[in-house]
Structure formats: C-alpha cells, structure tokens
Amino acid sequence: MKKIAILLIVVVLYSICLQANAQSEKRLRIRIFSTNNITQANIVASFGSYVLDDNTQIKKQDKVNLAVDNGKVKVSIGDKVLYSKDSVRLSSQDLKCFLQIIPANAKMRRYDNDLIVKLSKDKKTLLLINDITEDNYLAGVVQSEAGGASDNVEFFKVQAICCRSYMNRFRDKHIKEGYNLCDDVNCQVYLSRANKSQCIEGTSQTHGEIIVDEDDKIIETLFHSNSGGQTANSEDVWGNKIPYLRSVVDSFSIGKPNYQWEKEIKEKDWLNYFKSKGIDIKDYNTKQELLNFSQADGRKAKLFGIPLTQIRKDFKLKSTFFDVVPWGSNVKLKGKGYGHGVGMSQEGAVNMCEEGYEYWEVIEHYYQGVKIKNINEQ
C-alpha cells in the first residue's frame, strides 16, 4: 500500500508539473481562415474538454454554431441559442485538446488549444483567432509548409528552426489588428494542427532554437522549393544586399523533382516583349543575345537591364535561372529550379538530411555566417 501511495503522489506531482509547463509556455494569437469571408461556422471538440466563456461545458457530441447576428457573435448549440456577444472564447481544459472548425464556405480544419471569435471592423464577418502555444503552432506551420517534402526528422528540425526564427522576428506583424500573425503566405502558411509525428518531433527537439547573424539579430529565413544548383544573392532578386543571403553552389538540389523545367514561347512574342521595354531588337548582336541567352557560368540578375524577376513574373516562369535557345519559330526556355532561389532550397535540404548531414550543417550551408542559439537562453 505504501508503494502504491508513493506512486500516486508521483503521478499527481508529474501531472501538476505538466499543467504548470503548459500554462507557462508562450502563446500566440493566429488569425485562421484569413483569406475567407466567414459568416457562420460549426465547432466540434474533437479531443479533450472545452468550455465556453459563460462556463457552458462543450460535450463531444455538441456542435457549437457561431454566426454573425445584428453586429454580435451568436452562439448556439443545436436549436438552442445560448447568447450573443462582441467576442466568444472556447477554452481547452486538458493538456491535449483540439477543435474541428467547419465554416459554411470553407473546408474543415483542426486546431490545437483555444479559439477566440470576434467580428470584423464592418461587423459583417467572423474573425477566427487560434490562441495557441508556440510549439503547437510551429508544428502546424512546419507541416503546412513542408509536411509532404520528407519523412526525415532532421529535415523537419531545419524547417522548424527556420519557421521559429520567422515567428520571433515578425511575431507582432498584425498586433494592431488584435492578433500576432495570420495563416496565409503573408506570414507563414498554417492550415491545420500537426498530426505528422516527424513534424512534431522536429519541432519539439529544437525547442527555442533560432538562427541569428553575426550581430546576433534574428535572420530572415527565406526558402524556396529548388535552387536549380545555385542559390541567388538577395540583391539579384529584391535589390537589397543581405550578408547571410549569398549565392552558393547547391549540388544537393540537382536531379530533384523541381530541378528542371522547360517552356516554349513564340519567338516574335519573346522579341516584341523586349522591344516594348525599349530594346533595339533589329540590332543583330542584340537579337542573337536575346535568342541565345545563357546562365551556364552562373546566375545572372538582368537581361539587357531588365530584371529577370520581372521577366519571370511576366512570362509566369518557375524561376529566373534559365537559358534561351532558338526552337523553330519559337524560343525554348530551359530552366532550373523552382521559386525565388534565395536562402534555403527545401529539396536540397531534404537531400542533405537524407545523406546524413545534421540540421545545423544544412542551415550553415544555405545561410552564410550564421549561428543557431536558443532564444530562451538570452
């Protein structure tokens, strides 16, 4: 009996410690469904216990309906209207809780921790805000941004540190609007809670770790799908030279799914494009350069003074890393890579991890002169 009593005490103390840690962990407010105009949504407690802010317990079979109604958020369960308020909160009561959110005009998603619901400024739509612990949020971001790229935990450590660095650098981006960040590409993509174990593990194993530059400032952790074998300098894409975003040879991206692409364009359309930019296409040497443009010796930033980023946008190309060759009455653009090319290549990072490189080696390869530190130890 004495041993059982001691064991019970240990279990209770451990539970108290877990609860204390969960309560003390830093939290964020993330606006979810930020690109949707939502006027009504059903909420279901998928796992764990939840309570509304009037202390109504939400049972597992309950479907809580939230809707815009005369400038308020109306709360109903089934046919019963509970109340209408300016804002509503659904609070988790257990260590692990997550909600199923089903808007009237968007696909269902699941989110950890708490939910706050307010009205937009014009009081016509609902603002759904996920009040969540940092690690739960980051695991969801990692899965949303790169969950299908690999099953390698080491890669998800890399991705988690990049996403955590972004989170801390821009954590108050939308603070004037009542939340920290949104779930769209304007911040970081966050489409659901994480349920992939490797994403969760990679996030938890790097808890608090961020990337800083030589001045101990959190870096901007830009990444893209594939570099095409060489990453780009930041100034060649955006005009702003950043010391840690230097062009590096990236053999790890070669041969991966997004390494190569091709696109045919009518020769007259290609030449007339440059004519519209003030280029003399009747000049023989100019025309030959336009029809035989090459980046075999390394990435370039411009073609006859026109930024390749603009050409990429106007012709809807996968990258700015391409050569041009005559192809009958067309020109063929033979391209490499996918994305802006600055910072980390995700496919290259996956390959490095699968070849046995550790996460810090991947980060130091793609971001020059940086170091990893724990933000909690400052």
Protein backbone atom coordinates (compact mmCIF):
# COMPACT_ATOMS: atom_id res chain seq x y z
CA MET A 1 0.00 0.00 0.00
CA LYS A 2 2.85 2.35 0.86
CA LYS A 3 4.43 1.86 -2.60
CA ILE A 4 1.07 2.48 -4.29
CA ALA A 5 0.57 5.68 -2.30
CA ILE A 6 4.04 6.93 -3.26
CA LEU A 7 3.38 6.09 -6.90
CA LEU A 8 0.10 8.02 -6.82
CA ILE A 9 1.83 11.03 -5.30
CA VAL A 10 4.50 10.92 -8.03
CA VAL A 11 1.84 10.71 -10.77
CA VAL A 12 -0.10 13.64 -9.28
CA LEU A 13 3.04 15.79 -8.95
CA TYR A 14 4.07 14.94 -12.52
CA SER A 15 0.62 15.93 -13.77
CA ILE A 16 0.80 19.23 -11.87
CA CYS A 17 4.22 19.95 -13.40
CA LEU A 18 2.91 19.23 -16.90
CA GLN A 19 -0.03 21.55 -16.37
CA ALA A 20 2.24 24.27 -15.00
CA ASN A 21 4.56 23.94 -18.00
CA ALA A 22 1.63 24.06 -20.41
CA GLN A 23 0.23 27.17 -18.75
CA SER A 24 3.62 28.91 -18.66
CA GLU A 25 4.52 28.14 -22.29
CA LYS A 26 4.45 31.19 -24.52
CA ARG A 27 1.33 31.59 -26.62
CA LEU A 28 0.38 33.34 -29.82
CA ARG A 29 -2.83 34.55 -31.40
CA ILE A 30 -3.03 33.45 -35.04
CA ARG A 31 -5.82 34.52 -37.34
CA ILE A 32 -7.00 31.41 -39.19
CA PHE A 33 -9.13 31.22 -42.35
CA SER A 34 -7.77 34.71 -43.01
CA THR A 35 -8.47 34.55 -46.76
CA ASN A 36 -12.11 33.51 -46.29
CA ASN A 37 -15.12 35.72 -45.57
CA ILE A 38 -16.82 33.62 -42.91
CA THR A 39 -20.27 34.47 -41.56
CA GLN A 40 -21.00 31.14 -39.90
CA ALA A 41 -19.02 28.17 -38.57
CA ASN A 42 -19.63 24.99 -36.60
CA ILE A 43 -17.16 24.00 -33.89
CA VAL A 44 -16.73 20.47 -32.53
CA ALA A 45 -14.45 19.43 -29.66
CA SER A 46 -12.56 16.63 -31.42
CA PHE A 47 -10.31 15.78 -28.48
CA GLY A 48 -10.25 16.90 -24.84
CA SER A 49 -12.63 19.09 -22.87
CA TYR A 50 -13.70 22.61 -23.79
CA VAL A 51 -15.79 25.28 -22.11
CA LEU A 52 -17.45 28.42 -23.48
CA ASP A 53 -16.85 31.74 -21.76
CA ASP A 54 -20.22 31.52 -19.98
CA ASN A 55 -18.91 28.26 -18.40
CA THR A 56 -21.05 26.04 -20.63
CA GLN A 57 -19.29 22.69 -20.97
CA ILE A 58 -19.00 21.50 -24.56
CA LYS A 59 -19.77 17.82 -24.85
CA LYS A 60 -18.11 15.71 -27.52
CA GLN A 61 -21.36 15.33 -29.47
CA ASP A 62 -22.13 19.07 -29.33
CA LYS A 63 -21.91 21.17 -32.46
CA VAL A 64 -21.39 24.77 -31.43
CA ASN A 65 -22.64 27.17 -34.08
CA LEU A 66 -21.15 30.66 -34.31
CA ALA A 67 -22.78 33.21 -36.60
CA VAL A 68 -22.90 36.92 -37.33
CA ASP A 69 -26.17 38.30 -35.98
CA ASN A 70 -27.03 42.01 -35.67
CA GLY A 71 -23.46 43.11 -35.00
CA LYS A 72 -22.78 40.34 -32.48
CA VAL A 73 -21.43 36.79 -32.44
CA LYS A 74 -24.40 34.50 -31.82
CA VAL A 75 -23.65 31.21 -30.06
CA SER A 76 -25.96 28.21 -30.43
CA ILE A 77 -25.85 24.50 -29.68
CA GLY A 78 -28.35 22.65 -31.81
CA ASP A 79 -31.57 24.64 -31.86
CA LYS A 80 -30.78 26.41 -28.59
CA VAL A 81 -29.39 29.95 -28.74
CA LEU A 82 -27.11 30.50 -25.73
CA TYR A 83 -26.15 34.17 -26.06
CA SER A 84 -24.77 36.89 -28.36
CA LYS A 85 -21.58 38.84 -27.56
CA ASP A 86 -18.91 41.00 -29.14
CA SER A 87 -16.42 38.13 -28.81
CA VAL A 88 -16.55 34.48 -27.80
CA ARG A 89 -13.86 32.17 -26.44
CA LEU A 90 -13.69 28.38 -26.41
CA SER A 91 -11.11 27.36 -23.80
CA SER A 92 -9.36 24.00 -23.60
CA GLN A 93 -9.44 22.28 -20.21
CA ASP A 94 -6.94 19.45 -20.68
CA LEU A 95 -3.26 19.19 -21.58
CA LYS A 96 -4.08 18.00 -25.09
CA CYS A 97 -7.13 19.47 -26.80
CA PHE A 98 -8.05 20.27 -30.36
CA LEU A 99 -11.09 21.59 -32.18
CA GLN A 100 -12.68 20.82 -35.52
CA ILE A 101 -13.73 24.01 -37.29
CA ILE A 102 -16.24 23.76 -40.14
CA PRO A 103 -17.01 27.13 -41.81
CA ALA A 104 -20.04 27.41 -44.08
CA ASN A 105 -17.88 28.35 -47.08
CA ALA A 106 -14.52 26.62 -46.49
CA LYS A 107 -13.08 23.18 -45.86
CA MET A 108 -12.90 21.77 -42.35
CA ARG A 109 -9.67 22.21 -40.38
CA ARG A 110 -8.46 21.15 -36.92
CA TYR A 111 -6.54 23.36 -34.47
CA ASP A 112 -4.93 22.86 -31.05
CA ASN A 113 -5.65 24.82 -27.87
CA ASP A 114 -8.17 27.70 -27.77
CA LEU A 115 -10.35 29.64 -30.18
CA ILE A 116 -11.37 33.31 -29.99
CA VAL A 117 -14.11 34.58 -32.30
CA LYS A 118 -14.68 38.28 -32.97
CA LEU A 119 -16.31 40.38 -35.64
CA SER A 120 -14.55 42.22 -38.44
CA LYS A 121 -14.48 46.03 -38.36
CA ASP A 122 -17.55 46.23 -40.58
CA LYS A 123 -19.25 43.60 -38.36
CA LYS A 124 -20.14 41.51 -41.40
CA THR A 125 -17.78 38.55 -40.99
CA LEU A 126 -16.23 36.46 -38.22
CA LEU A 127 -12.56 36.70 -37.28
CA LEU A 128 -11.35 33.29 -36.08
CA ILE A 129 -8.26 33.51 -33.90
CA ASN A 130 -6.36 30.46 -32.65
CA ASP A 131 -4.88 31.14 -29.18
CA ILE A 132 -2.13 28.53 -29.17
CA THR A 133 1.21 27.54 -27.64
CA GLU A 134 4.24 28.36 -29.74
CA ASP A 135 5.34 24.76 -30.32
CA ASN A 136 1.86 23.60 -31.34
CA TYR A 137 1.65 26.50 -33.78
CA LEU A 138 5.12 25.84 -35.18
CA ALA A 139 4.47 22.13 -35.69
CA GLY A 140 1.36 23.08 -37.65
CA VAL A 141 3.34 25.57 -39.75
CA VAL A 142 6.09 23.03 -40.42
CA GLN A 143 3.53 20.50 -41.62
CA SER A 144 1.67 23.10 -43.70
CA GLU A 145 4.84 24.47 -45.30
CA ALA A 146 6.74 21.22 -45.87
CA GLY A 147 4.88 18.22 -44.48
CA GLY A 148 4.89 16.37 -47.78
CA ALA A 149 8.54 17.03 -48.60
CA SER A 150 10.04 14.26 -46.48
CA ASP A 151 9.67 11.86 -43.56
CA ASN A 152 13.13 12.78 -42.26
CA VAL A 153 13.08 14.24 -38.73
CA GLU A 154 16.39 16.03 -39.29
CA PHE A 155 14.85 17.99 -42.16
CA PHE A 156 11.89 18.97 -40.01
CA LYS A 157 14.36 20.25 -37.40
CA VAL A 158 15.73 22.56 -40.10
CA GLN A 159 12.26 23.68 -41.13
CA ALA A 160 11.17 24.19 -37.52
CA ILE A 161 14.15 26.43 -36.75
CA CYS A 162 13.51 28.47 -39.90
CA CYS A 163 9.82 28.87 -39.02
CA ARG A 164 10.59 29.68 -35.37
CA SER A 165 13.06 32.34 -36.47
CA TYR A 166 10.42 33.92 -38.70
CA MET A 167 7.85 33.74 -35.90
CA ASN A 168 10.10 35.58 -33.47
CA ARG A 169 11.29 38.15 -36.00
CA PHE A 170 7.76 39.07 -37.11
CA ARG A 171 5.64 37.93 -34.17
CA ASP A 172 3.79 41.27 -33.82
CA LYS A 173 3.15 41.80 -37.53
CA HIS A 174 -0.63 42.08 -37.02
CA ILE A 175 -0.69 43.14 -33.37
CA LYS A 176 -2.66 46.32 -34.15
CA GLU A 177 -5.39 44.12 -35.59
CA GLY A 178 -5.67 42.09 -32.40
CA TYR A 179 -3.54 39.07 -33.23
CA ASN A 180 0.13 38.23 -33.84
CA LEU A 181 0.21 36.58 -37.24
CA CYS A 182 -2.14 35.26 -39.91
CA ASP A 183 -2.23 31.82 -41.56
CA ASP A 184 -1.52 32.93 -45.13
CA VAL A 185 1.70 33.32 -47.15
CA ASN A 186 1.87 36.95 -45.94
CA CYS A 187 3.08 35.43 -42.67
CA GLN A 188 3.55 31.65 -42.60
CA VAL A 189 1.17 29.06 -44.04
CA TYR A 190 -0.77 27.41 -41.19
CA LEU A 191 -3.57 25.21 -42.45
CA SER A 192 -4.12 22.87 -39.50
CA ARG A 193 -2.71 21.33 -36.36
CA ALA A 194 0.17 18.92 -36.93
CA ASN A 195 -0.60 15.22 -36.94
CA LYS A 196 2.57 14.02 -38.63
CA SER A 197 4.86 12.66 -35.93
CA GLN A 198 8.08 13.72 -37.68
CA CYS A 199 6.92 17.36 -37.85
CA ILE A 200 6.01 17.32 -34.15
CA GLU A 201 9.29 15.65 -33.22
CA GLY A 202 11.42 18.03 -35.28
CA THR A 203 9.71 20.99 -33.63
CA SER A 204 9.99 19.69 -30.07
CA GLN A 205 13.62 18.60 -30.43
CA THR A 206 14.64 22.13 -31.44
CA HIS A 207 12.53 23.91 -28.81
CA GLY A 208 13.55 27.58 -28.61
CA GLU A 209 16.26 27.38 -31.29
CA ILE A 210 16.54 30.26 -33.78
CA ILE A 211 19.07 31.49 -36.34
CA VAL A 212 20.98 34.74 -35.80
CA ASP A 213 23.52 36.65 -37.87
CA GLU A 214 26.95 37.96 -36.87
CA ASP A 215 25.29 40.85 -35.00
CA ASP A 216 23.13 38.42 -33.01
CA LYS A 217 19.97 39.52 -34.85
CA ILE A 218 17.36 37.00 -35.95
CA ILE A 219 17.73 36.42 -39.68
CA GLU A 220 15.04 36.38 -42.34
CA THR A 221 14.83 32.67 -43.11
CA LEU A 222 13.83 32.74 -46.77
CA PHE A 223 13.40 29.43 -48.53
CA HIS A 224 12.15 28.08 -51.85
CA SER A 225 11.47 24.71 -53.48
CA ASN A 226 14.66 24.14 -55.54
CA SER A 227 17.63 26.37 -56.37
CA GLY A 228 18.48 24.70 -59.68
CA GLY A 229 22.00 24.01 -58.44
CA GLN A 230 22.91 27.52 -57.30
CA THR A 231 21.06 29.84 -54.93
CA ALA A 232 20.63 33.54 -55.70
CA ASN A 233 22.00 36.65 -54.00
CA SER A 234 19.28 38.62 -52.25
CA GLU A 235 20.10 41.81 -54.19
CA ASP A 236 19.67 39.99 -57.52
CA VAL A 237 16.05 39.28 -56.61
CA TRP A 238 14.97 42.18 -54.39
CA GLY A 239 17.77 44.73 -54.71
CA ASN A 240 18.71 44.59 -51.03
CA LYS A 241 22.09 43.04 -50.22
CA ILE A 242 21.91 40.88 -47.09
CA PRO A 243 25.19 39.32 -45.88
CA TYR A 244 23.78 35.90 -44.98
CA LEU A 245 21.74 35.53 -48.19
CA ARG A 246 24.63 34.88 -50.57
CA SER A 247 24.63 32.78 -53.71
CA VAL A 248 26.09 29.33 -53.01
CA VAL A 249 26.69 26.32 -55.23
CA ASP A 250 23.97 23.86 -54.34
CA SER A 251 24.66 20.41 -55.79
CA PHE A 252 22.17 18.92 -53.32
CA SER A 253 19.27 20.30 -55.39
CA ILE A 254 20.44 18.76 -58.66
CA GLY A 255 18.23 15.99 -60.02
CA LYS A 256 15.39 16.54 -57.57
CA PRO A 257 11.73 16.81 -58.74
CA ASN A 258 11.75 20.60 -59.25
CA TYR A 259 15.31 20.82 -60.58
CA GLN A 260 14.48 21.37 -64.28
CA TRP A 261 11.70 22.85 -66.38
CA GLU A 262 11.09 23.99 -69.95
CA LYS A 263 8.76 26.47 -71.60
CA GLU A 264 8.27 27.36 -75.27
CA ILE A 265 7.38 30.92 -76.29
CA LYS A 266 6.77 32.23 -79.80
CA GLU A 267 9.94 33.95 -81.00
CA LYS A 268 8.04 37.05 -82.10
CA ASP A 269 6.35 37.33 -78.68
CA TRP A 270 9.70 36.95 -76.93
CA LEU A 271 11.38 39.63 -79.06
CA ASN A 272 8.41 42.00 -79.00
CA TYR A 273 8.43 41.83 -75.21
CA PHE A 274 11.92 43.33 -75.16
CA LYS A 275 11.01 45.78 -77.91
CA SER A 276 8.24 47.07 -75.62
CA LYS A 277 10.92 47.65 -72.98
CA GLY A 278 12.94 49.88 -75.34
CA ILE A 279 15.42 47.26 -76.57
CA ASP A 280 16.53 47.53 -80.23
CA ILE A 281 15.70 44.03 -81.45
CA LYS A 282 16.74 44.89 -85.02
CA ASP A 283 20.37 45.07 -83.94
CA TYR A 284 21.94 41.73 -84.90
CA ASN A 285 24.07 41.24 -81.80
CA THR A 286 21.21 42.22 -79.51
CA LYS A 287 18.84 39.81 -81.22
CA GLN A 288 21.37 36.97 -81.03
CA GLU A 289 21.86 37.60 -77.31
CA LEU A 290 18.12 37.54 -76.71
CA LEU A 291 17.77 34.27 -78.64
CA ASN A 292 20.81 32.62 -77.05
CA PHE A 293 20.86 33.97 -73.50
CA SER A 294 22.79 31.69 -71.17
CA GLN A 295 23.45 31.40 -67.43
CA ALA A 296 25.82 28.44 -67.80
CA ASP A 297 28.55 30.38 -65.98
CA GLY A 298 26.30 31.24 -63.03
CA ARG A 299 23.07 33.03 -62.13
CA LYS A 300 22.52 36.48 -63.55
CA ALA A 301 20.23 39.24 -62.37
CA LYS A 302 19.26 41.04 -65.60
CA LEU A 303 18.91 40.66 -69.35
CA PHE A 304 19.62 43.93 -71.18
CA GLY A 305 18.88 45.81 -67.98
CA ILE A 306 15.53 44.13 -67.40
CA PRO A 307 15.40 42.26 -64.07
CA LEU A 308 14.96 38.53 -64.56
CA THR A 309 12.47 38.68 -61.69
CA GLN A 310 10.24 40.86 -63.89
CA ILE A 311 10.67 38.52 -66.87
CA ARG A 312 9.78 35.59 -64.63
CA LYS A 313 6.61 37.32 -63.47
CA ASP A 314 5.51 38.46 -66.94
CA PHE A 315 6.00 35.03 -68.56
CA LYS A 316 4.90 33.05 -65.48
CA LEU A 317 8.18 31.11 -65.21
CA LYS A 318 9.12 28.76 -62.37
CA SER A 319 12.40 30.59 -61.72
CA THR A 320 14.81 33.21 -63.07
CA PHE A 321 17.52 30.58 -63.67
CA PHE A 322 17.07 29.75 -67.36
CA ASP A 323 18.82 29.64 -70.75
CA VAL A 324 17.23 30.57 -74.08
CA VAL A 325 17.68 28.58 -77.31
CA PRO A 326 16.05 29.01 -80.75
CA TRP A 327 13.39 26.33 -81.37
CA GLY A 328 11.90 26.63 -84.85
CA SER A 329 9.51 29.55 -84.84
CA ASN A 330 9.73 29.58 -81.04
CA VAL A 331 12.33 30.01 -78.35
CA LYS A 332 12.69 27.37 -75.68
CA LEU A 333 13.50 28.44 -72.13
CA LYS A 334 15.44 25.68 -70.43
CA GLY A 335 15.14 26.43 -66.76
CA LYS A 336 16.41 25.18 -63.45
CA GLY A 337 14.86 25.39 -60.02
CA TYR A 338 11.53 26.50 -58.64
CA GLY A 339 10.99 29.67 -56.63
CA HIS A 340 12.91 32.88 -56.00
CA GLY A 341 16.16 30.99 -55.31
CA VAL A 342 17.18 32.98 -52.23
CA GLY A 343 18.14 31.21 -49.00
CA MET A 344 17.37 27.55 -48.43
CA SER A 345 16.35 25.09 -51.11
CA GLN A 346 13.84 22.74 -49.46
CA GLU A 347 14.59 19.88 -51.84
CA GLY A 348 18.31 20.43 -51.32
CA ALA A 349 17.86 20.49 -47.55
CA VAL A 350 15.89 17.22 -47.67
CA ASN A 351 18.67 15.64 -49.73
CA MET A 352 21.36 16.83 -47.31
CA CYS A 353 19.49 15.35 -44.35
CA GLU A 354 18.93 12.06 -46.16
CA GLU A 355 22.66 11.94 -46.92
CA GLY A 356 23.39 12.19 -43.19
CA TYR A 357 24.10 15.89 -42.67
CA GLU A 358 22.92 17.31 -39.34
CA TYR A 359 20.40 20.15 -39.21
CA TRP A 360 22.97 22.79 -38.23
CA GLU A 361 25.13 21.86 -41.24
CA VAL A 362 22.17 22.39 -43.57
CA ILE A 363 21.43 25.80 -42.05
CA GLU A 364 25.07 26.92 -42.25
CA HIS A 365 25.25 25.81 -45.90
CA TYR A 366 22.30 27.89 -47.07
CA TYR A 367 22.64 30.87 -44.70
CA GLN A 368 26.18 32.25 -44.65
CA GLY A 369 27.94 33.32 -41.43
CA VAL A 370 25.02 32.50 -39.12
CA LYS A 371 24.72 30.55 -35.89
CA ILE A 372 21.97 28.75 -34.00
CA LYS A 373 21.09 29.86 -30.48
CA ASN A 374 18.29 29.21 -28.02
CA ILE A 375 16.09 32.27 -27.61
CA ASN A 376 15.24 31.18 -24.06
CA GLU A 377 18.90 31.47 -23.00
CA GLN A 378 19.43 35.14 -23.95
